Amino acid sequence: MTYVIGATCIDVKDKSCVEVCPVDCILGSDEDQDRMLYIDPDECIDCAACVDPCPVDAIFAEEDLPEEWRPFVEINALYRRDQDAARRRVDGLQAVAS
């Protein structure tokens, strides 16, 4: 199991979750390149420390993720390997939702 950051983080990037993460597994650039933050599933220790500080309720345990947010499991994992591909996926999801 891992935690996943989902749709409500897009264009928010509050970073309260980053401050409490004991293993620094929450990723995302400070620049406008990244519209959201991402959790590296290989580094996440499933401690849930990031869940409560998130002001937009964007972080869920993978098995509790709302069905419409299932694509974010792959997007979060993809960010470590290919940031541009993850960004395109986020942009594509926004285009479909609009």
N, C-alpha and C. Protein backbone atom coordinates (compact mmCIF):
# COMPACT_ATOMS: atom_id res chain seq x y z
N MET A 1 0.85 -1.18 0.00
CA MET A 1 0.00 0.00 0.00
C MET A 1 0.89 1.24 0.00
N THR A 2 0.38 2.28 -0.61
CA THR A 2 1.05 3.57 -0.60
C THR A 2 -0.03 4.65 -0.57
N TYR A 3 0.38 5.85 -0.34
CA TYR A 3 -0.55 6.98 -0.39
C TYR A 3 -0.42 7.65 -1.75
N VAL A 4 -1.51 8.28 -2.18
CA VAL A 4 -1.59 8.87 -3.51
C VAL A 4 -2.16 10.27 -3.38
N ILE A 5 -1.59 11.21 -4.13
CA ILE A 5 -2.12 12.57 -4.19
C ILE A 5 -3.00 12.66 -5.43
N GLY A 6 -4.19 13.18 -5.25
CA GLY A 6 -5.17 13.22 -6.33
C GLY A 6 -5.54 14.61 -6.81
N ALA A 7 -6.66 14.67 -7.48
CA ALA A 7 -7.09 15.82 -8.28
C ALA A 7 -7.18 17.14 -7.54
N THR A 8 -7.59 17.14 -6.29
CA THR A 8 -7.78 18.43 -5.62
C THR A 8 -6.48 19.16 -5.30
N CYS A 9 -5.36 18.50 -5.52
CA CYS A 9 -4.06 19.16 -5.35
C CYS A 9 -3.69 20.00 -6.58
N ILE A 10 -4.31 19.71 -7.71
CA ILE A 10 -3.96 20.41 -8.94
C ILE A 10 -4.18 21.92 -8.77
N ASP A 11 -3.15 22.68 -9.06
CA ASP A 11 -3.13 24.14 -8.97
C ASP A 11 -3.24 24.67 -7.55
N VAL A 12 -3.00 23.81 -6.55
CA VAL A 12 -3.00 24.24 -5.15
C VAL A 12 -1.59 24.12 -4.57
N LYS A 13 -1.02 22.94 -4.56
CA LYS A 13 0.34 22.67 -4.05
C LYS A 13 0.61 23.36 -2.71
N ASP A 14 -0.21 23.12 -1.72
CA ASP A 14 -0.10 23.76 -0.42
C ASP A 14 1.21 23.43 0.30
N LYS A 15 1.72 22.24 0.17
CA LYS A 15 2.98 21.77 0.74
C LYS A 15 2.96 21.53 2.24
N SER A 16 1.81 21.59 2.88
CA SER A 16 1.73 21.21 4.29
C SER A 16 2.13 19.75 4.46
N CYS A 17 1.82 18.95 3.47
CA CYS A 17 2.15 17.52 3.51
C CYS A 17 3.67 17.31 3.44
N VAL A 18 4.35 18.13 2.68
CA VAL A 18 5.80 18.00 2.52
C VAL A 18 6.49 18.23 3.86
N GLU A 19 6.01 19.19 4.61
CA GLU A 19 6.62 19.55 5.88
C GLU A 19 6.57 18.43 6.91
N VAL A 20 5.57 17.55 6.83
CA VAL A 20 5.41 16.50 7.85
C VAL A 20 5.90 15.13 7.39
N CYS A 21 6.25 14.99 6.14
CA CYS A 21 6.67 13.68 5.63
C CYS A 21 8.04 13.31 6.20
N PRO A 22 8.13 12.18 6.92
CA PRO A 22 9.40 11.82 7.55
C PRO A 22 10.44 11.25 6.58
N VAL A 23 10.03 10.90 5.37
CA VAL A 23 10.98 10.30 4.42
C VAL A 23 11.14 11.11 3.13
N ASP A 24 10.59 12.29 3.08
CA ASP A 24 10.71 13.16 1.91
C ASP A 24 10.29 12.47 0.61
N CYS A 25 9.15 11.78 0.64
CA CYS A 25 8.69 11.08 -0.56
C CYS A 25 7.71 11.90 -1.38
N ILE A 26 7.40 13.12 -0.94
CA ILE A 26 6.47 13.98 -1.68
C ILE A 26 7.29 14.91 -2.57
N LEU A 27 7.01 14.83 -3.84
CA LEU A 27 7.82 15.50 -4.86
C LEU A 27 7.02 16.55 -5.61
N GLY A 28 7.73 17.48 -6.22
CA GLY A 28 7.12 18.51 -7.05
C GLY A 28 7.99 19.75 -7.03
N SER A 29 8.11 20.38 -8.16
CA SER A 29 8.97 21.56 -8.24
C SER A 29 8.26 22.78 -7.68
N ASP A 30 9.04 23.74 -7.25
CA ASP A 30 8.49 25.00 -6.76
C ASP A 30 8.03 25.89 -7.90
N GLU A 31 8.59 25.66 -9.06
CA GLU A 31 8.20 26.47 -10.22
C GLU A 31 6.81 26.05 -10.70
N ASP A 32 6.31 26.75 -11.68
CA ASP A 32 4.98 26.47 -12.21
C ASP A 32 4.94 25.23 -13.10
N GLN A 33 6.08 24.57 -13.30
CA GLN A 33 6.09 23.37 -14.13
C GLN A 33 5.13 22.33 -13.59
N ASP A 34 5.13 22.14 -12.29
CA ASP A 34 4.28 21.14 -11.67
C ASP A 34 3.03 21.80 -11.12
N ARG A 35 1.90 21.30 -11.56
CA ARG A 35 0.62 21.85 -11.11
C ARG A 35 0.13 21.19 -9.83
N MET A 36 0.82 20.12 -9.42
CA MET A 36 0.45 19.41 -8.21
C MET A 36 1.69 18.75 -7.61
N LEU A 37 1.52 18.14 -6.47
CA LEU A 37 2.58 17.37 -5.84
C LEU A 37 2.33 15.89 -6.10
N TYR A 38 3.36 15.08 -5.90
CA TYR A 38 3.29 13.65 -6.20
C TYR A 38 3.95 12.87 -5.07
N ILE A 39 3.46 11.68 -4.78
CA ILE A 39 4.08 10.80 -3.80
C ILE A 39 4.80 9.68 -4.54
N ASP A 40 6.07 9.51 -4.23
CA ASP A 40 6.86 8.43 -4.80
C ASP A 40 6.48 7.14 -4.06
N PRO A 41 5.81 6.20 -4.72
CA PRO A 41 5.34 5.00 -4.03
C PRO A 41 6.48 4.10 -3.54
N ASP A 42 7.65 4.21 -4.14
CA ASP A 42 8.78 3.39 -3.71
C ASP A 42 9.39 3.93 -2.41
N GLU A 43 9.18 5.19 -2.12
CA GLU A 43 9.74 5.80 -0.92
C GLU A 43 8.72 5.93 0.21
N CYS A 44 7.44 5.96 -0.11
CA CYS A 44 6.38 6.13 0.89
C CYS A 44 6.40 4.96 1.87
N ILE A 45 6.36 5.27 3.16
CA ILE A 45 6.37 4.23 4.19
C ILE A 45 4.98 4.02 4.79
N ASP A 46 3.97 4.57 4.16
CA ASP A 46 2.58 4.37 4.57
C ASP A 46 2.28 4.84 5.99
N CYS A 47 2.89 5.92 6.39
CA CYS A 47 2.72 6.40 7.76
C CYS A 47 1.47 7.28 7.92
N ALA A 48 0.94 7.81 6.82
CA ALA A 48 -0.26 8.66 6.82
C ALA A 48 -0.05 10.03 7.44
N ALA A 49 1.18 10.41 7.73
CA ALA A 49 1.44 11.72 8.33
C ALA A 49 0.98 12.86 7.43
N CYS A 50 0.95 12.63 6.13
CA CYS A 50 0.61 13.68 5.17
C CYS A 50 -0.89 13.92 5.01
N VAL A 51 -1.71 12.98 5.44
CA VAL A 51 -3.14 13.04 5.16
C VAL A 51 -3.82 14.22 5.85
N ASP A 52 -3.73 14.30 7.15
CA ASP A 52 -4.44 15.34 7.89
C ASP A 52 -3.99 16.77 7.58
N PRO A 53 -2.70 17.03 7.36
CA PRO A 53 -2.30 18.41 7.06
C PRO A 53 -2.80 18.93 5.71
N CYS A 54 -3.19 18.06 4.80
CA CYS A 54 -3.62 18.49 3.47
C CYS A 54 -4.94 19.26 3.56
N PRO A 55 -4.93 20.54 3.20
CA PRO A 55 -6.14 21.36 3.36
C PRO A 55 -7.22 21.09 2.30
N VAL A 56 -6.88 20.33 1.26
CA VAL A 56 -7.85 20.08 0.19
C VAL A 56 -8.22 18.60 0.07
N ASP A 57 -7.89 17.82 1.08
CA ASP A 57 -8.22 16.38 1.12
C ASP A 57 -7.84 15.67 -0.17
N ALA A 58 -6.59 15.87 -0.58
CA ALA A 58 -6.11 15.29 -1.84
C ALA A 58 -5.37 13.97 -1.64
N ILE A 59 -5.10 13.57 -0.40
CA ILE A 59 -4.24 12.41 -0.16
C ILE A 59 -5.04 11.26 0.43
N PHE A 60 -4.94 10.11 -0.23
CA PHE A 60 -5.66 8.91 0.19
C PHE A 60 -4.73 7.72 0.15
N ALA A 61 -5.00 6.74 1.01
CA ALA A 61 -4.37 5.43 0.85
C ALA A 61 -4.84 4.89 -0.50
N GLU A 62 -3.98 4.21 -1.20
CA GLU A 62 -4.32 3.74 -2.55
C GLU A 62 -5.64 2.98 -2.59
N GLU A 63 -5.88 2.12 -1.63
CA GLU A 63 -7.12 1.33 -1.66
C GLU A 63 -8.36 2.15 -1.32
N ASP A 64 -8.20 3.34 -0.78
CA ASP A 64 -9.33 4.21 -0.44
C ASP A 64 -9.54 5.34 -1.45
N LEU A 65 -8.73 5.36 -2.47
CA LEU A 65 -8.79 6.42 -3.48
C LEU A 65 -10.15 6.39 -4.20
N PRO A 66 -10.80 7.53 -4.34
CA PRO A 66 -12.06 7.55 -5.10
C PRO A 66 -11.85 6.98 -6.51
N GLU A 67 -12.80 6.25 -7.00
CA GLU A 67 -12.68 5.57 -8.29
C GLU A 67 -12.29 6.52 -9.42
N GLU A 68 -12.85 7.72 -9.43
CA GLU A 68 -12.54 8.67 -10.50
C GLU A 68 -11.10 9.18 -10.43
N TRP A 69 -10.42 8.94 -9.32
CA TRP A 69 -9.03 9.36 -9.15
C TRP A 69 -8.05 8.22 -9.40
N ARG A 70 -8.49 7.05 -9.84
CA ARG A 70 -7.61 5.91 -10.07
C ARG A 70 -6.42 6.25 -10.97
N PRO A 71 -6.56 7.10 -11.99
CA PRO A 71 -5.40 7.44 -12.82
C PRO A 71 -4.24 8.06 -12.04
N PHE A 72 -4.52 8.64 -10.88
CA PHE A 72 -3.46 9.29 -10.11
C PHE A 72 -2.49 8.29 -9.48
N VAL A 73 -2.88 7.03 -9.37
CA VAL A 73 -1.94 6.02 -8.88
C VAL A 73 -0.76 5.95 -9.84
N GLU A 74 -1.05 5.83 -11.12
CA GLU A 74 0.00 5.77 -12.13
C GLU A 74 0.73 7.10 -12.26
N ILE A 75 0.00 8.18 -12.21
CA ILE A 75 0.61 9.51 -12.37
C ILE A 75 1.63 9.77 -11.27
N ASN A 76 1.27 9.46 -10.01
CA ASN A 76 2.20 9.66 -8.90
C ASN A 76 3.46 8.82 -9.10
N ALA A 77 3.30 7.56 -9.49
CA ALA A 77 4.45 6.67 -9.70
C ALA A 77 5.28 7.11 -10.90
N LEU A 78 4.64 7.61 -11.92
CA LEU A 78 5.32 8.03 -13.15
C LEU A 78 6.23 9.24 -12.91
N TYR A 79 5.87 10.11 -11.98
CA TYR A 79 6.61 11.36 -11.79
C TYR A 79 8.09 11.13 -11.53
N ARG A 80 8.45 10.14 -10.75
CA ARG A 80 9.86 9.88 -10.44
C ARG A 80 10.64 9.48 -11.70
N ARG A 81 10.00 8.70 -12.58
CA ARG A 81 10.67 8.19 -13.78
C ARG A 81 10.66 9.19 -14.94
N ASP A 82 9.55 9.94 -15.08
CA ASP A 82 9.40 10.81 -16.24
C ASP A 82 8.48 11.98 -15.87
N GLN A 83 9.07 13.04 -15.36
CA GLN A 83 8.30 14.19 -14.89
C GLN A 83 7.43 14.79 -15.99
N ASP A 84 7.97 14.93 -17.19
CA ASP A 84 7.20 15.53 -18.28
C ASP A 84 5.98 14.69 -18.63
N ALA A 85 6.13 13.37 -18.62
CA ALA A 85 5.00 12.49 -18.91
C ALA A 85 3.92 12.62 -17.84
N ALA A 86 4.33 12.71 -16.59
CA ALA A 86 3.36 12.88 -15.50
C ALA A 86 2.63 14.21 -15.64
N ARG A 87 3.36 15.25 -15.99
CA ARG A 87 2.73 16.57 -16.18
C ARG A 87 1.72 16.54 -17.32
N ARG A 88 2.07 15.85 -18.41
CA ARG A 88 1.14 15.74 -19.54
C ARG A 88 -0.13 14.98 -19.14
N ARG A 89 0.04 13.95 -18.33
CA ARG A 89 -1.13 13.19 -17.87
C ARG A 89 -2.05 14.07 -17.03
N VAL A 90 -1.48 14.88 -16.15
CA VAL A 90 -2.28 15.79 -15.33
C VAL A 90 -3.02 16.78 -16.23
N ASP A 91 -2.30 17.36 -17.18
CA ASP A 91 -2.92 18.31 -18.10
C ASP A 91 -4.04 17.64 -18.91
N GLY A 92 -3.82 16.40 -19.31
CA GLY A 92 -4.82 15.67 -20.08
C GLY A 92 -6.07 15.37 -19.28
N LEU A 93 -5.89 15.07 -18.00
CA LEU A 93 -7.05 14.81 -17.14
C LEU A 93 -7.86 16.08 -16.96
N GLN A 94 -7.18 17.19 -16.82
CA GLN A 94 -7.88 18.46 -16.67
C GLN A 94 -8.68 18.79 -17.93
N ALA A 95 -8.10 18.50 -19.09
CA ALA A 95 -8.79 18.79 -20.35
C ALA A 95 -10.06 17.96 -20.47
N VAL A 96 -10.01 16.71 -20.04
CA VAL A 96 -11.19 15.84 -20.10
C VAL A 96 -12.26 16.30 -19.13
N ALA A 97 -11.84 16.78 -17.95
CA ALA A 97 -12.79 17.21 -16.93
C ALA A 97 -13.43 18.54 -17.26
N SER A 98 -12.83 19.33 -18.12
CA SER A 98 -13.35 20.66 -18.43
C SER A 98 -14.56 20.62 -19.33
